[in-house]
Amino acid sequence: MKKFFVMQALIITMVLMLMGGVAAQAPLEGEMELDFYPENPIWRGTITGDISGNMYFTNVGPGRRGEELRGQTVSFEEVWLITDAEDNMILAGTDEGIVSPNSKYRMNGVVTEAAPEYSHLVGRTVHMSGYITWDPGTGAPLTAPGTFRIN
């Protein structure tokens, strides 16, 4: 009987340790509120959630208006940056994505740099998605609210 209780205690301890490891790997999520600017960084705004701060997206690849690929889909490549209130780097990375004809965007990337307290995130994948709103008068992008997730 004593062996049974010792074995149960060991199993419970192992399960709790595994659960702690799983929690450490849980995705980090945030809500983005982005505004369009005609020069790089072309998208600027904020992120709130598991990581909060300022966000900047610099276009580095195809995807400016008029460079449609595969019908009406527009592809793009970016470098992104999240900073604190004093504009100190928290996280940075790269992504590639598409904007579909219905103005939904999605992109996948990777964390390439991090402040020391976030260094464990370097190399982790990133996914962002949302919807672009347009200025009806000029046809220019206005905003791009969406979600940001580090897996």
N, C-alpha and C. Protein backbone atom coordinates (compact mmCIF):
# COMPACT_ATOMS: atom_id res chain seq x y z
N MET A 1 0.82 -1.18 0.00
CA MET A 1 0.00 0.00 0.00
C MET A 1 0.87 1.26 0.00
N LYS A 2 1.96 1.22 0.78
CA LYS A 2 2.87 2.35 0.85
C LYS A 2 3.46 2.63 -0.53
N LYS A 3 3.82 1.56 -1.26
CA LYS A 3 4.36 1.71 -2.62
C LYS A 3 3.35 2.41 -3.52
N PHE A 4 2.10 2.07 -3.36
CA PHE A 4 1.03 2.65 -4.18
C PHE A 4 0.98 4.16 -3.99
N PHE A 5 1.03 4.65 -2.75
CA PHE A 5 0.98 6.08 -2.47
C PHE A 5 2.23 6.80 -2.95
N VAL A 6 3.38 6.17 -2.81
CA VAL A 6 4.63 6.76 -3.31
C VAL A 6 4.56 6.90 -4.82
N MET A 7 4.07 5.85 -5.48
CA MET A 7 3.95 5.88 -6.94
C MET A 7 2.98 6.98 -7.38
N GLN A 8 1.85 7.12 -6.69
CA GLN A 8 0.88 8.17 -7.02
C GLN A 8 1.51 9.55 -6.85
N ALA A 9 2.26 9.74 -5.78
CA ALA A 9 2.92 11.03 -5.53
C ALA A 9 3.91 11.34 -6.64
N LEU A 10 4.66 10.33 -7.08
CA LEU A 10 5.61 10.54 -8.18
C LEU A 10 4.89 10.89 -9.48
N ILE A 11 3.80 10.22 -9.76
CA ILE A 11 3.03 10.50 -10.98
C ILE A 11 2.46 11.91 -10.93
N ILE A 12 1.90 12.30 -9.82
CA ILE A 12 1.34 13.65 -9.67
C ILE A 12 2.44 14.69 -9.85
N THR A 13 3.59 14.47 -9.25
CA THR A 13 4.72 15.39 -9.39
C THR A 13 5.13 15.51 -10.84
N MET A 14 5.23 14.39 -11.54
CA MET A 14 5.63 14.41 -12.95
C MET A 14 4.59 15.16 -13.79
N VAL A 15 3.30 14.93 -13.54
CA VAL A 15 2.25 15.62 -14.29
C VAL A 15 2.32 17.12 -14.05
N LEU A 16 2.51 17.53 -12.81
CA LEU A 16 2.62 18.96 -12.50
C LEU A 16 3.84 19.58 -13.18
N MET A 17 4.95 18.87 -13.23
CA MET A 17 6.14 19.38 -13.90
C MET A 17 5.88 19.52 -15.40
N LEU A 18 5.24 18.54 -15.98
CA LEU A 18 4.92 18.61 -17.41
C LEU A 18 3.95 19.75 -17.70
N MET A 19 2.98 19.95 -16.84
CA MET A 19 2.03 21.05 -17.04
C MET A 19 2.74 22.38 -16.96
N GLY A 20 3.70 22.51 -16.08
CA GLY A 20 4.48 23.75 -16.00
C GLY A 20 5.24 23.99 -17.28
N GLY A 21 5.81 22.95 -17.89
CA GLY A 21 6.52 23.08 -19.16
C GLY A 21 5.60 23.45 -20.29
N VAL A 22 4.40 22.91 -20.29
CA VAL A 22 3.43 23.24 -21.33
C VAL A 22 3.01 24.69 -21.20
N ALA A 23 2.77 25.16 -19.98
CA ALA A 23 2.36 26.54 -19.79
C ALA A 23 3.43 27.50 -20.29
N ALA A 24 4.70 27.15 -20.13
CA ALA A 24 5.77 28.02 -20.57
C ALA A 24 5.80 28.12 -22.10
N GLN A 25 5.27 27.11 -22.79
CA GLN A 25 5.27 27.11 -24.25
C GLN A 25 3.97 27.65 -24.84
N ALA A 26 3.02 28.05 -24.00
CA ALA A 26 1.75 28.54 -24.51
C ALA A 26 1.96 29.76 -25.39
N PRO A 27 1.14 29.91 -26.42
CA PRO A 27 1.28 31.09 -27.29
C PRO A 27 1.07 32.39 -26.52
N LEU A 28 1.78 33.42 -26.95
CA LEU A 28 1.57 34.77 -26.43
C LEU A 28 0.72 35.49 -27.47
N GLU A 29 -0.30 36.21 -27.02
CA GLU A 29 -1.22 36.85 -27.96
C GLU A 29 -1.40 38.32 -27.64
N GLY A 30 -1.72 39.07 -28.68
CA GLY A 30 -1.99 40.49 -28.52
C GLY A 30 -2.90 41.00 -29.61
N GLU A 31 -3.53 42.13 -29.33
CA GLU A 31 -4.39 42.80 -30.31
C GLU A 31 -3.63 44.01 -30.86
N MET A 32 -3.58 44.10 -32.20
CA MET A 32 -2.88 45.18 -32.86
C MET A 32 -3.87 46.24 -33.34
N GLU A 33 -3.50 47.51 -33.18
CA GLU A 33 -4.23 48.64 -33.75
C GLU A 33 -3.20 49.41 -34.57
N LEU A 34 -3.28 49.31 -35.90
CA LEU A 34 -2.26 49.86 -36.78
C LEU A 34 -2.85 50.90 -37.73
N ASP A 35 -2.07 51.95 -37.99
CA ASP A 35 -2.43 52.99 -38.96
C ASP A 35 -1.43 52.98 -40.09
N PHE A 36 -1.91 53.30 -41.31
CA PHE A 36 -1.07 53.31 -42.49
C PHE A 36 -0.37 54.67 -42.65
N TYR A 37 0.90 54.63 -43.09
CA TYR A 37 1.68 55.82 -43.42
C TYR A 37 2.28 55.60 -44.81
N PRO A 38 2.37 56.65 -45.61
CA PRO A 38 2.87 56.46 -46.99
C PRO A 38 4.37 56.19 -47.10
N GLU A 39 5.11 56.23 -45.99
CA GLU A 39 6.54 55.93 -46.02
C GLU A 39 6.85 54.95 -44.88
N ASN A 40 7.96 54.23 -45.02
CA ASN A 40 8.36 53.27 -44.00
C ASN A 40 8.74 53.97 -42.71
N PRO A 41 8.38 53.36 -41.58
CA PRO A 41 7.56 52.17 -41.45
C PRO A 41 6.11 52.46 -41.86
N ILE A 42 5.59 51.64 -42.78
CA ILE A 42 4.30 51.94 -43.38
C ILE A 42 3.12 51.67 -42.43
N TRP A 43 3.27 50.76 -41.50
CA TRP A 43 2.24 50.52 -40.49
C TRP A 43 2.82 50.83 -39.13
N ARG A 44 2.10 51.64 -38.34
CA ARG A 44 2.54 52.02 -36.99
C ARG A 44 1.34 51.99 -36.07
N GLY A 45 1.57 51.55 -34.85
CA GLY A 45 0.47 51.50 -33.91
C GLY A 45 0.86 50.87 -32.61
N THR A 46 -0.10 50.15 -32.01
CA THR A 46 0.12 49.57 -30.69
C THR A 46 -0.29 48.10 -30.68
N ILE A 47 0.24 47.40 -29.69
CA ILE A 47 -0.18 46.03 -29.39
C ILE A 47 -0.46 45.98 -27.91
N THR A 48 -1.55 45.30 -27.54
CA THR A 48 -1.90 45.10 -26.14
C THR A 48 -2.22 43.63 -25.92
N GLY A 49 -1.87 43.13 -24.76
CA GLY A 49 -2.12 41.73 -24.44
C GLY A 49 -0.97 41.16 -23.65
N ASP A 50 -0.57 39.93 -24.00
CA ASP A 50 0.55 39.29 -23.31
C ASP A 50 1.84 40.09 -23.46
N ILE A 51 1.99 40.76 -24.59
CA ILE A 51 3.08 41.71 -24.82
C ILE A 51 2.43 43.00 -25.27
N SER A 52 2.80 44.11 -24.65
CA SER A 52 2.21 45.41 -24.98
C SER A 52 3.29 46.40 -25.33
N GLY A 53 2.99 47.29 -26.26
CA GLY A 53 3.94 48.32 -26.65
C GLY A 53 3.56 48.95 -27.97
N ASN A 54 4.54 49.60 -28.58
CA ASN A 54 4.37 50.21 -29.90
C ASN A 54 4.79 49.21 -30.96
N MET A 55 4.15 49.27 -32.13
CA MET A 55 4.51 48.36 -33.24
C MET A 55 4.84 49.17 -34.47
N TYR A 56 5.84 48.67 -35.21
CA TYR A 56 6.26 49.29 -36.47
C TYR A 56 6.51 48.18 -37.49
N PHE A 57 5.98 48.38 -38.71
CA PHE A 57 6.18 47.44 -39.80
C PHE A 57 6.82 48.17 -40.96
N THR A 58 7.97 47.68 -41.43
CA THR A 58 8.68 48.26 -42.57
C THR A 58 8.59 47.29 -43.73
N ASN A 59 8.05 47.77 -44.86
CA ASN A 59 7.93 46.94 -46.06
C ASN A 59 9.31 46.73 -46.66
N VAL A 60 9.68 45.47 -46.92
CA VAL A 60 10.99 45.17 -47.51
C VAL A 60 10.89 44.31 -48.76
N GLY A 61 9.65 44.01 -49.19
CA GLY A 61 9.49 43.15 -50.36
C GLY A 61 8.27 43.51 -51.15
N PRO A 62 7.98 42.73 -52.17
CA PRO A 62 6.84 43.01 -53.05
C PRO A 62 5.57 43.22 -52.26
N GLY A 63 4.66 43.95 -52.86
CA GLY A 63 3.37 44.10 -52.22
C GLY A 63 2.83 45.50 -52.23
N ARG A 64 3.55 46.46 -52.75
CA ARG A 64 2.98 47.80 -52.83
C ARG A 64 1.86 47.77 -53.86
N ARG A 65 0.89 48.62 -53.69
CA ARG A 65 -0.28 48.63 -54.57
C ARG A 65 0.14 48.60 -56.04
N GLY A 66 -0.50 47.73 -56.80
CA GLY A 66 -0.17 47.59 -58.21
C GLY A 66 0.71 46.39 -58.48
N GLU A 67 1.20 45.72 -57.44
CA GLU A 67 2.06 44.55 -57.63
C GLU A 67 1.29 43.29 -57.26
N GLU A 68 0.05 43.18 -57.74
CA GLU A 68 -0.79 42.04 -57.42
C GLU A 68 -0.20 40.76 -58.00
N LEU A 69 -0.30 39.70 -57.24
CA LEU A 69 0.14 38.38 -57.67
C LEU A 69 -1.03 37.42 -57.54
N ARG A 70 -1.08 36.44 -58.38
CA ARG A 70 -2.13 35.43 -58.32
C ARG A 70 -3.52 36.07 -58.28
N GLY A 71 -3.87 36.79 -59.31
CA GLY A 71 -5.17 37.45 -59.36
C GLY A 71 -5.15 38.73 -58.56
N GLN A 72 -6.02 38.82 -57.60
CA GLN A 72 -6.14 40.04 -56.81
C GLN A 72 -5.37 39.98 -55.49
N THR A 73 -4.70 38.89 -55.21
CA THR A 73 -3.96 38.75 -53.95
C THR A 73 -2.67 39.55 -54.02
N VAL A 74 -2.38 40.28 -52.96
CA VAL A 74 -1.15 41.07 -52.88
C VAL A 74 -0.24 40.43 -51.84
N SER A 75 1.00 40.14 -52.23
CA SER A 75 1.95 39.57 -51.28
C SER A 75 2.88 40.66 -50.77
N PHE A 76 3.48 40.41 -49.61
CA PHE A 76 4.39 41.39 -49.03
C PHE A 76 5.38 40.71 -48.10
N GLU A 77 6.47 41.40 -47.84
CA GLU A 77 7.47 41.01 -46.85
C GLU A 77 7.75 42.21 -45.98
N GLU A 78 7.94 41.96 -44.69
CA GLU A 78 8.15 43.05 -43.74
C GLU A 78 9.19 42.70 -42.69
N VAL A 79 9.67 43.74 -42.07
CA VAL A 79 10.43 43.65 -40.82
C VAL A 79 9.55 44.34 -39.79
N TRP A 80 9.34 43.71 -38.64
CA TRP A 80 8.49 44.30 -37.62
C TRP A 80 9.27 44.51 -36.33
N LEU A 81 8.77 45.44 -35.53
CA LEU A 81 9.44 45.83 -34.29
C LEU A 81 8.38 46.16 -33.25
N ILE A 82 8.56 45.66 -32.04
CA ILE A 82 7.73 46.04 -30.90
C ILE A 82 8.65 46.73 -29.90
N THR A 83 8.24 47.93 -29.45
CA THR A 83 9.04 48.69 -28.49
C THR A 83 8.20 49.01 -27.26
N ASP A 84 8.91 49.40 -26.19
CA ASP A 84 8.20 49.87 -25.00
C ASP A 84 7.86 51.36 -25.18
N ALA A 85 7.33 51.99 -24.14
CA ALA A 85 6.90 53.39 -24.22
C ALA A 85 8.05 54.34 -24.55
N GLU A 86 9.29 53.96 -24.20
CA GLU A 86 10.46 54.80 -24.48
C GLU A 86 11.12 54.41 -25.80
N ASP A 87 10.47 53.59 -26.60
CA ASP A 87 10.96 53.08 -27.89
C ASP A 87 12.19 52.18 -27.77
N ASN A 88 12.35 51.51 -26.63
CA ASN A 88 13.38 50.48 -26.50
C ASN A 88 12.83 49.18 -27.09
N MET A 89 13.64 48.47 -27.86
CA MET A 89 13.22 47.25 -28.50
C MET A 89 12.82 46.19 -27.47
N ILE A 90 11.63 45.62 -27.68
CA ILE A 90 11.19 44.47 -26.90
C ILE A 90 11.39 43.22 -27.75
N LEU A 91 10.81 43.23 -28.97
CA LEU A 91 10.92 42.12 -29.91
C LEU A 91 11.04 42.66 -31.33
N ALA A 92 11.69 41.89 -32.19
CA ALA A 92 11.77 42.25 -33.61
C ALA A 92 11.77 40.95 -34.41
N GLY A 93 11.36 41.08 -35.67
CA GLY A 93 11.33 39.89 -36.51
C GLY A 93 11.01 40.20 -37.95
N THR A 94 10.76 39.16 -38.69
CA THR A 94 10.42 39.27 -40.11
C THR A 94 9.12 38.51 -40.35
N ASP A 95 8.46 38.87 -41.45
CA ASP A 95 7.26 38.13 -41.84
C ASP A 95 7.04 38.24 -43.33
N GLU A 96 6.25 37.31 -43.85
CA GLU A 96 5.77 37.32 -45.21
C GLU A 96 4.28 37.07 -45.16
N GLY A 97 3.53 37.74 -46.02
CA GLY A 97 2.09 37.55 -45.97
C GLY A 97 1.39 37.92 -47.24
N ILE A 98 0.06 37.86 -47.16
CA ILE A 98 -0.79 38.22 -48.29
C ILE A 98 -1.98 39.03 -47.80
N VAL A 99 -2.48 39.86 -48.71
CA VAL A 99 -3.75 40.54 -48.51
C VAL A 99 -4.68 39.98 -49.59
N SER A 100 -5.81 39.45 -49.17
CA SER A 100 -6.74 38.84 -50.12
C SER A 100 -7.68 39.91 -50.70
N PRO A 101 -8.42 39.57 -51.74
CA PRO A 101 -9.32 40.55 -52.36
C PRO A 101 -10.35 41.14 -51.40
N ASN A 102 -10.70 40.42 -50.34
CA ASN A 102 -11.67 40.95 -49.38
C ASN A 102 -11.00 41.76 -48.26
N SER A 103 -9.72 42.12 -48.47
CA SER A 103 -8.93 42.97 -47.55
C SER A 103 -8.50 42.28 -46.27
N LYS A 104 -8.68 40.96 -46.18
CA LYS A 104 -8.15 40.24 -45.03
C LYS A 104 -6.67 39.99 -45.26
N TYR A 105 -5.88 40.15 -44.21
CA TYR A 105 -4.46 39.86 -44.33
C TYR A 105 -4.07 38.77 -43.34
N ARG A 106 -3.02 38.07 -43.70
CA ARG A 106 -2.43 37.08 -42.80
C ARG A 106 -0.95 36.99 -43.14
N MET A 107 -0.17 36.79 -42.12
CA MET A 107 1.28 36.70 -42.32
C MET A 107 1.88 35.79 -41.29
N ASN A 108 2.98 35.18 -41.69
CA ASN A 108 3.73 34.29 -40.81
C ASN A 108 5.18 34.75 -40.80
N GLY A 109 5.80 34.63 -39.66
CA GLY A 109 7.18 35.07 -39.54
C GLY A 109 7.89 34.41 -38.38
N VAL A 110 8.94 35.09 -37.94
CA VAL A 110 9.77 34.55 -36.87
C VAL A 110 10.33 35.70 -36.03
N VAL A 111 10.51 35.44 -34.75
CA VAL A 111 11.18 36.40 -33.86
C VAL A 111 12.67 36.28 -34.10
N THR A 112 13.34 37.38 -34.46
CA THR A 112 14.77 37.36 -34.75
C THR A 112 15.61 38.05 -33.67
N GLU A 113 15.00 38.95 -32.91
CA GLU A 113 15.72 39.68 -31.85
C GLU A 113 14.79 39.87 -30.67
N ALA A 114 15.36 40.00 -29.48
CA ALA A 114 14.54 40.20 -28.29
C ALA A 114 15.35 40.87 -27.20
N ALA A 115 14.67 41.67 -26.39
CA ALA A 115 15.28 42.22 -25.19
C ALA A 115 15.61 41.03 -24.27
N PRO A 116 16.57 41.21 -23.35
CA PRO A 116 16.99 40.09 -22.52
C PRO A 116 15.87 39.31 -21.84
N GLU A 117 14.86 40.00 -21.34
CA GLU A 117 13.78 39.30 -20.64
C GLU A 117 12.89 38.49 -21.59
N TYR A 118 13.03 38.70 -22.90
CA TYR A 118 12.26 37.95 -23.89
C TYR A 118 13.16 37.10 -24.78
N SER A 119 14.40 36.91 -24.41
CA SER A 119 15.35 36.19 -25.27
C SER A 119 14.92 34.76 -25.56
N HIS A 120 14.13 34.17 -24.68
CA HIS A 120 13.65 32.80 -24.91
C HIS A 120 12.69 32.70 -26.11
N LEU A 121 12.23 33.85 -26.63
CA LEU A 121 11.31 33.85 -27.77
C LEU A 121 12.01 33.88 -29.12
N VAL A 122 13.32 34.14 -29.15
CA VAL A 122 14.04 34.19 -30.42
C VAL A 122 13.93 32.83 -31.11
N GLY A 123 13.56 32.87 -32.38
CA GLY A 123 13.39 31.65 -33.16
C GLY A 123 11.97 31.12 -33.18
N ARG A 124 11.11 31.64 -32.32
CA ARG A 124 9.72 31.17 -32.30
C ARG A 124 8.95 31.78 -33.46
N THR A 125 7.95 31.05 -33.93
CA THR A 125 7.16 31.51 -35.07
C THR A 125 6.10 32.51 -34.62
N VAL A 126 5.72 33.35 -35.58
CA VAL A 126 4.75 34.42 -35.34
C VAL A 126 3.65 34.31 -36.39
N HIS A 127 2.43 34.58 -35.99
CA HIS A 127 1.31 34.63 -36.92
C HIS A 127 0.51 35.90 -36.64
N MET A 128 0.17 36.63 -37.70
CA MET A 128 -0.66 37.82 -37.57
C MET A 128 -1.77 37.75 -38.60
N SER A 129 -2.94 38.27 -38.23
CA SER A 129 -4.05 38.32 -39.17
C SER A 129 -4.99 39.45 -38.78
N GLY A 130 -5.73 39.93 -39.77
CA GLY A 130 -6.68 41.01 -39.52
C GLY A 130 -7.33 41.47 -40.80
N TYR A 131 -7.78 42.70 -40.79
CA TYR A 131 -8.55 43.26 -41.89
C TYR A 131 -8.08 44.70 -42.15
N ILE A 132 -7.83 45.03 -43.40
CA ILE A 132 -7.41 46.39 -43.77
C ILE A 132 -8.65 47.20 -44.11
N THR A 133 -8.74 48.42 -43.55
CA THR A 133 -9.79 49.35 -43.94
C THR A 133 -9.20 50.34 -44.93
N TRP A 134 -10.03 50.88 -45.82
CA TRP A 134 -9.57 51.74 -46.92
C TRP A 134 -10.27 53.09 -46.88
N ASP A 135 -9.57 54.11 -47.34
CA ASP A 135 -10.14 55.45 -47.50
C ASP A 135 -10.98 55.42 -48.77
N PRO A 136 -12.30 55.61 -48.67
CA PRO A 136 -13.14 55.53 -49.87
C PRO A 136 -12.83 56.63 -50.89
N GLY A 137 -12.31 57.76 -50.42
CA GLY A 137 -12.00 58.85 -51.34
C GLY A 137 -10.74 58.63 -52.16
N THR A 138 -9.68 58.15 -51.51
CA THR A 138 -8.39 58.01 -52.20
C THR A 138 -8.05 56.56 -52.55
N GLY A 139 -8.72 55.60 -51.89
CA GLY A 139 -8.40 54.20 -52.12
C GLY A 139 -7.15 53.75 -51.37
N ALA A 140 -6.60 54.62 -50.54
CA ALA A 140 -5.39 54.29 -49.76
C ALA A 140 -5.79 53.50 -48.51
N PRO A 141 -4.89 52.64 -48.02
CA PRO A 141 -5.16 51.94 -46.75
C PRO A 141 -5.27 52.94 -45.61
N LEU A 142 -6.10 52.63 -44.63
CA LEU A 142 -6.23 53.48 -43.44
C LEU A 142 -5.74 52.78 -42.18
N THR A 143 -6.39 51.65 -41.84
CA THR A 143 -6.06 50.94 -40.61
C THR A 143 -5.94 49.44 -40.88
N ALA A 144 -5.33 48.74 -39.94
CA ALA A 144 -5.19 47.29 -40.06
C ALA A 144 -5.27 46.65 -38.67
N PRO A 145 -6.45 46.68 -38.04
CA PRO A 145 -6.56 46.01 -36.74
C PRO A 145 -6.40 44.51 -36.94
N GLY A 146 -5.85 43.85 -35.93
CA GLY A 146 -5.67 42.41 -36.07
C GLY A 146 -5.12 41.77 -34.81
N THR A 147 -4.78 40.51 -34.95
CA THR A 147 -4.22 39.73 -33.83
C THR A 147 -2.78 39.34 -34.14
N PHE A 148 -1.99 39.21 -33.10
CA PHE A 148 -0.57 38.87 -33.16
C PHE A 148 -0.37 37.69 -32.21
N ARG A 149 0.28 36.65 -32.68
CA ARG A 149 0.51 35.48 -31.83
C ARG A 149 1.93 34.96 -32.02
N ILE A 150 2.61 34.72 -30.92
CA ILE A 150 3.91 34.05 -30.94
C ILE A 150 3.67 32.63 -30.46
N ASN A 151 3.99 31.65 -31.29
CA ASN A 151 3.75 30.25 -30.95
C ASN A 151 4.90 29.67 -30.14
